[in-house]
Amino acid sequence: MHNGLWEARYTSDITQHNEQRALTVTNITSLVTAAASVITALTPLIIKLM
């Protein structure tokens, strides 16, 4: 009984950790996407200025 409880807690800790890592990856991906679209939008302006 005690061992099963510990395993369940351990498993849920791993699951939460994986979810946090997935969230971080998602955040980084959306940041990169946003940066890419900003660069794409600014490129014609930069070319005009040069």
PDB file of N, CA and C in Angstrom:
ATOM      1  N   MET A   1       0.840  -1.195   0.000  1.00  0.00           N
ATOM      2  CA  MET A   1       0.000   0.000   0.000  1.00  0.00           C
ATOM      3  C   MET A   1       0.880   1.251   0.000  1.00  0.00           C
ATOM      4  N   HIS A   2       1.801   1.307   0.949  1.00  0.00           N
ATOM      5  CA  HIS A   2       2.678   2.475   1.053  1.00  0.00           C
ATOM      6  C   HIS A   2       3.521   2.632  -0.206  1.00  0.00           C
ATOM      7  N   ASN A   3       4.017   1.497  -0.711  1.00  0.00           N
ATOM      8  CA  ASN A   3       4.866   1.535  -1.900  1.00  0.00           C
ATOM      9  C   ASN A   3       4.077   2.011  -3.123  1.00  0.00           C
ATOM     10  N   GLY A   4       2.853   1.551  -3.257  1.00  0.00           N
ATOM     11  CA  GLY A   4       2.014   1.961  -4.383  1.00  0.00           C
ATOM     12  C   GLY A   4       1.750   3.452  -4.356  1.00  0.00           C
ATOM     13  N   LEU A   5       1.535   3.971  -3.158  1.00  0.00           N
ATOM     14  CA  LEU A   5       1.302   5.405  -2.998  1.00  0.00           C
ATOM     15  C   LEU A   5       2.527   6.194  -3.459  1.00  0.00           C
ATOM     16  N   TRP A   6       3.704   5.730  -3.034  1.00  0.00           N
ATOM     17  CA  TRP A   6       4.939   6.405  -3.415  1.00  0.00           C
ATOM     18  C   TRP A   6       5.122   6.377  -4.937  1.00  0.00           C
ATOM     19  N   GLU A   7       4.815   5.210  -5.537  1.00  0.00           N
ATOM     20  CA  GLU A   7       4.962   5.098  -6.994  1.00  0.00           C
ATOM     21  C   GLU A   7       4.017   6.061  -7.699  1.00  0.00           C
ATOM     22  N   ALA A   8       2.804   6.161  -7.207  1.00  0.00           N
ATOM     23  CA  ALA A   8       1.824   7.060  -7.825  1.00  0.00           C
ATOM     24  C   ALA A   8       2.308   8.503  -7.739  1.00  0.00           C
ATOM     25  N   ARG A   9       2.830   8.888  -6.582  1.00  0.00           N
ATOM     26  CA  ARG A   9       3.323  10.255  -6.412  1.00  0.00           C
ATOM     27  C   ARG A   9       4.522  10.502  -7.331  1.00  0.00           C
ATOM     28  N   TYR A  10       5.405   9.522  -7.407  1.00  0.00           N
ATOM     29  CA  TYR A  10       6.586   9.645  -8.259  1.00  0.00           C
ATOM     30  C   TYR A  10       6.177   9.803  -9.722  1.00  0.00           C
ATOM     31  N   THR A  11       5.197   8.986 -10.136  1.00  0.00           N
ATOM     32  CA  THR A  11       4.728   9.047 -11.524  1.00  0.00           C
ATOM     33  C   THR A  11       4.099  10.405 -11.817  1.00  0.00           C
ATOM     34  N   SER A  12       3.304  10.922 -10.882  1.00  0.00           N
ATOM     35  CA  SER A  12       2.659  12.213 -11.125  1.00  0.00           C
ATOM     36  C   SER A  12       3.698  13.331 -11.151  1.00  0.00           C
ATOM     37  N   ASP A  13       4.770  13.204 -10.353  1.00  0.00           N
ATOM     38  CA  ASP A  13       5.852  14.196 -10.407  1.00  0.00           C
ATOM     39  C   ASP A  13       6.499  14.205 -11.788  1.00  0.00           C
ATOM     40  N   ILE A  14       6.759  13.013 -12.325  1.00  0.00           N
ATOM     41  CA  ILE A  14       7.362  12.921 -13.660  1.00  0.00           C
ATOM     42  C   ILE A  14       6.421  13.521 -14.702  1.00  0.00           C
ATOM     43  N   THR A  15       5.131  13.210 -14.581  1.00  0.00           N
ATOM     44  CA  THR A  15       4.155  13.730 -15.538  1.00  0.00           C
ATOM     45  C   THR A  15       4.133  15.251 -15.501  1.00  0.00           C
ATOM     46  N   GLN A  16       4.102  15.821 -14.294  1.00  0.00           N
ATOM     47  CA  GLN A  16       4.098  17.278 -14.170  1.00  0.00           C
ATOM     48  C   GLN A  16       5.368  17.877 -14.767  1.00  0.00           C
ATOM     49  N   HIS A  17       6.498  17.235 -14.517  1.00  0.00           N
ATOM     50  CA  HIS A  17       7.758  17.730 -15.056  1.00  0.00           C
ATOM     51  C   HIS A  17       7.722  17.728 -16.578  1.00  0.00           C
ATOM     52  N   ASN A  18       7.218  16.638 -17.162  1.00  0.00           N
ATOM     53  CA  ASN A  18       7.128  16.546 -18.618  1.00  0.00           C
ATOM     54  C   ASN A  18       6.175  17.599 -19.171  1.00  0.00           C
ATOM     55  N   GLU A  19       5.078  17.858 -18.473  1.00  0.00           N
ATOM     56  CA  GLU A  19       4.135  18.880 -18.923  1.00  0.00           C
ATOM     57  C   GLU A  19       4.788  20.253 -18.886  1.00  0.00           C
ATOM     58  N   GLN A  20       5.560  20.530 -17.816  1.00  0.00           N
ATOM     59  CA  GLN A  20       6.251  21.816 -17.736  1.00  0.00           C
ATOM     60  C   GLN A  20       7.251  21.960 -18.874  1.00  0.00           C
ATOM     61  N   ARG A  21       7.968  20.862 -19.187  1.00  0.00           N
ATOM     62  CA  ARG A  21       8.951  20.928 -20.265  1.00  0.00           C
ATOM     63  C   ARG A  21       8.248  21.145 -21.601  1.00  0.00           C
ATOM     64  N   ALA A  22       7.107  20.486 -21.793  1.00  0.00           N
ATOM     65  CA  ALA A  22       6.346  20.678 -23.028  1.00  0.00           C
ATOM     66  C   ALA A  22       5.878  22.121 -23.138  1.00  0.00           C
ATOM     67  N   LEU A  23       5.446  22.693 -22.021  1.00  0.00           N
ATOM     68  CA  LEU A  23       5.037  24.100 -22.011  1.00  0.00           C
ATOM     69  C   LEU A  23       6.198  25.004 -22.392  1.00  0.00           C
ATOM     70  N   THR A  24       7.362  24.740 -21.832  1.00  0.00           N
ATOM     71  CA  THR A  24       8.542  25.551 -22.143  1.00  0.00           C
ATOM     72  C   THR A  24       8.870  25.466 -23.628  1.00  0.00           C
ATOM     73  N   VAL A  25       8.835  24.256 -24.177  1.00  0.00           N
ATOM     74  CA  VAL A  25       9.112  24.075 -25.606  1.00  0.00           C
ATOM     75  C   VAL A  25       8.092  24.838 -26.432  1.00  0.00           C
ATOM     76  N   THR A  26       6.822  24.769 -26.031  1.00  0.00           N
ATOM     77  CA  THR A  26       5.771  25.494 -26.754  1.00  0.00           C
ATOM     78  C   THR A  26       6.022  26.994 -26.709  1.00  0.00           C
ATOM     79  N   ASN A  27       6.392  27.498 -25.520  1.00  0.00           N
ATOM     80  CA  ASN A  27       6.676  28.931 -25.379  1.00  0.00           C
ATOM     81  C   ASN A  27       7.841  29.357 -26.259  1.00  0.00           C
ATOM     82  N   ILE A  28       8.917  28.567 -26.253  1.00  0.00           N
ATOM     83  CA  ILE A  28      10.082  28.890 -27.075  1.00  0.00           C
ATOM     84  C   ILE A  28       9.697  28.873 -28.548  1.00  0.00           C
ATOM     85  N   THR A  29       8.920  27.856 -28.944  1.00  0.00           N
ATOM     86  CA  THR A  29       8.499  27.747 -30.346  1.00  0.00           C
ATOM     87  C   THR A  29       7.682  28.964 -30.765  1.00  0.00           C
ATOM     88  N   SER A  30       6.737  29.388 -29.905  1.00  0.00           N
ATOM     89  CA  SER A  30       5.915  30.541 -30.273  1.00  0.00           C
ATOM     90  C   SER A  30       6.739  31.830 -30.280  1.00  0.00           C
ATOM     91  N   LEU A  31       7.720  31.925 -29.385  1.00  0.00           N
ATOM     92  CA  LEU A  31       8.611  33.094 -29.402  1.00  0.00           C
ATOM     93  C   LEU A  31       9.410  33.142 -30.696  1.00  0.00           C
ATOM     94  N   VAL A  32       9.953  31.996 -31.096  1.00  0.00           N
ATOM     95  CA  VAL A  32      10.723  31.932 -32.348  1.00  0.00           C
ATOM     96  C   VAL A  32       9.829  32.286 -33.528  1.00  0.00           C
ATOM     97  N   THR A  33       8.608  31.752 -33.529  1.00  0.00           N
ATOM     98  CA  THR A  33       7.667  32.053 -34.610  1.00  0.00           C
ATOM     99  C   THR A  33       7.361  33.544 -34.658  1.00  0.00           C
ATOM    100  N   ALA A  34       7.122  34.141 -33.490  1.00  0.00           N
ATOM    101  CA  ALA A  34       6.832  35.575 -33.428  1.00  0.00           C
ATOM    102  C   ALA A  34       8.023  36.383 -33.922  1.00  0.00           C
ATOM    103  N   ALA A  35       9.225  36.004 -33.485  1.00  0.00           N
ATOM    104  CA  ALA A  35      10.424  36.713 -33.923  1.00  0.00           C
ATOM    105  C   ALA A  35      10.595  36.602 -35.432  1.00  0.00           C
ATOM    106  N   ALA A  36      10.343  35.411 -35.968  1.00  0.00           N
ATOM    107  CA  ALA A  36      10.488  35.208 -37.417  1.00  0.00           C
ATOM    108  C   ALA A  36       9.510  36.080 -38.181  1.00  0.00           C
ATOM    109  N   SER A  37       8.268  36.179 -37.701  1.00  0.00           N
ATOM    110  CA  SER A  37       7.293  36.997 -38.433  1.00  0.00           C
ATOM    111  C   SER A  37       7.629  38.481 -38.314  1.00  0.00           C
ATOM    112  N   VAL A  38       8.182  38.904 -37.167  1.00  0.00           N
ATOM    113  CA  VAL A  38       8.608  40.306 -37.025  1.00  0.00           C
ATOM    114  C   VAL A  38       9.741  40.606 -37.997  1.00  0.00           C
ATOM    115  N   ILE A  39      10.725  39.690 -38.060  1.00  0.00           N
ATOM    116  CA  ILE A  39      11.848  39.875 -38.983  1.00  0.00           C
ATOM    117  C   ILE A  39      11.346  39.920 -40.424  1.00  0.00           C
ATOM    118  N   THR A  40      10.421  39.018 -40.754  1.00  0.00           N
ATOM    119  CA  THR A  40       9.855  38.991 -42.104  1.00  0.00           C
ATOM    120  C   THR A  40       9.155  40.311 -42.421  1.00  0.00           C
ATOM    121  N   ALA A  41       8.429  40.835 -41.439  1.00  0.00           N
ATOM    122  CA  ALA A  41       7.703  42.090 -41.656  1.00  0.00           C
ATOM    123  C   ALA A  41       8.671  43.264 -41.794  1.00  0.00           C
ATOM    124  N   LEU A  42       9.772  43.241 -41.055  1.00  0.00           N
ATOM    125  CA  LEU A  42      10.696  44.372 -41.056  1.00  0.00           C
ATOM    126  C   LEU A  42      11.691  44.344 -42.212  1.00  0.00           C
ATOM    127  N   THR A  43      11.908  43.196 -42.803  1.00  0.00           N
ATOM    128  CA  THR A  43      12.929  43.080 -43.858  1.00  0.00           C
ATOM    129  C   THR A  43      12.719  44.091 -44.989  1.00  0.00           C
ATOM    130  N   PRO A  44      11.514  44.244 -45.529  1.00  0.00           N
ATOM    131  CA  PRO A  44      11.339  45.249 -46.617  1.00  0.00           C
ATOM    132  C   PRO A  44      11.692  46.673 -46.140  1.00  0.00           C
ATOM    133  N   LEU A  45      11.330  47.003 -44.911  1.00  0.00           N
ATOM    134  CA  LEU A  45      11.670  48.322 -44.377  1.00  0.00           C
ATOM    135  C   LEU A  45      13.171  48.488 -44.273  1.00  0.00           C
ATOM    136  N   ILE A  46      13.860  47.472 -43.761  1.00  0.00           N
ATOM    137  CA  ILE A  46      15.317  47.528 -43.621  1.00  0.00           C
ATOM    138  C   ILE A  46      15.959  47.687 -45.003  1.00  0.00           C
ATOM    139  N   ILE A  47      15.468  46.944 -45.973  1.00  0.00           N
ATOM    140  CA  ILE A  47      16.012  47.036 -47.336  1.00  0.00           C
ATOM    141  C   ILE A  47      15.800  48.454 -47.887  1.00  0.00           C
ATOM    142  N   LYS A  48      14.621  49.030 -47.648  1.00  0.00           N
ATOM    143  CA  LYS A  48      14.342  50.391 -48.111  1.00  0.00           C
ATOM    144  C   LYS A  48      15.300  51.390 -47.471  1.00  0.00           C
ATOM    145  N   LEU A  49      15.542  51.239 -46.170  1.00  0.00           N
ATOM    146  CA  LEU A  49      16.425  52.164 -45.455  1.00  0.00           C
ATOM    147  C   LEU A  49      17.857  52.060 -45.948  1.00  0.00           C
ATOM    148  N   MET A  50      18.263  50.876 -46.359  1.00  0.00           N
ATOM    149  CA  MET A  50      19.628  50.691 -46.842  1.00  0.00           C
ATOM    150  C   MET A  50      19.705  51.192 -48.267  1.00  0.00           C
TER     151      MET A  50
END
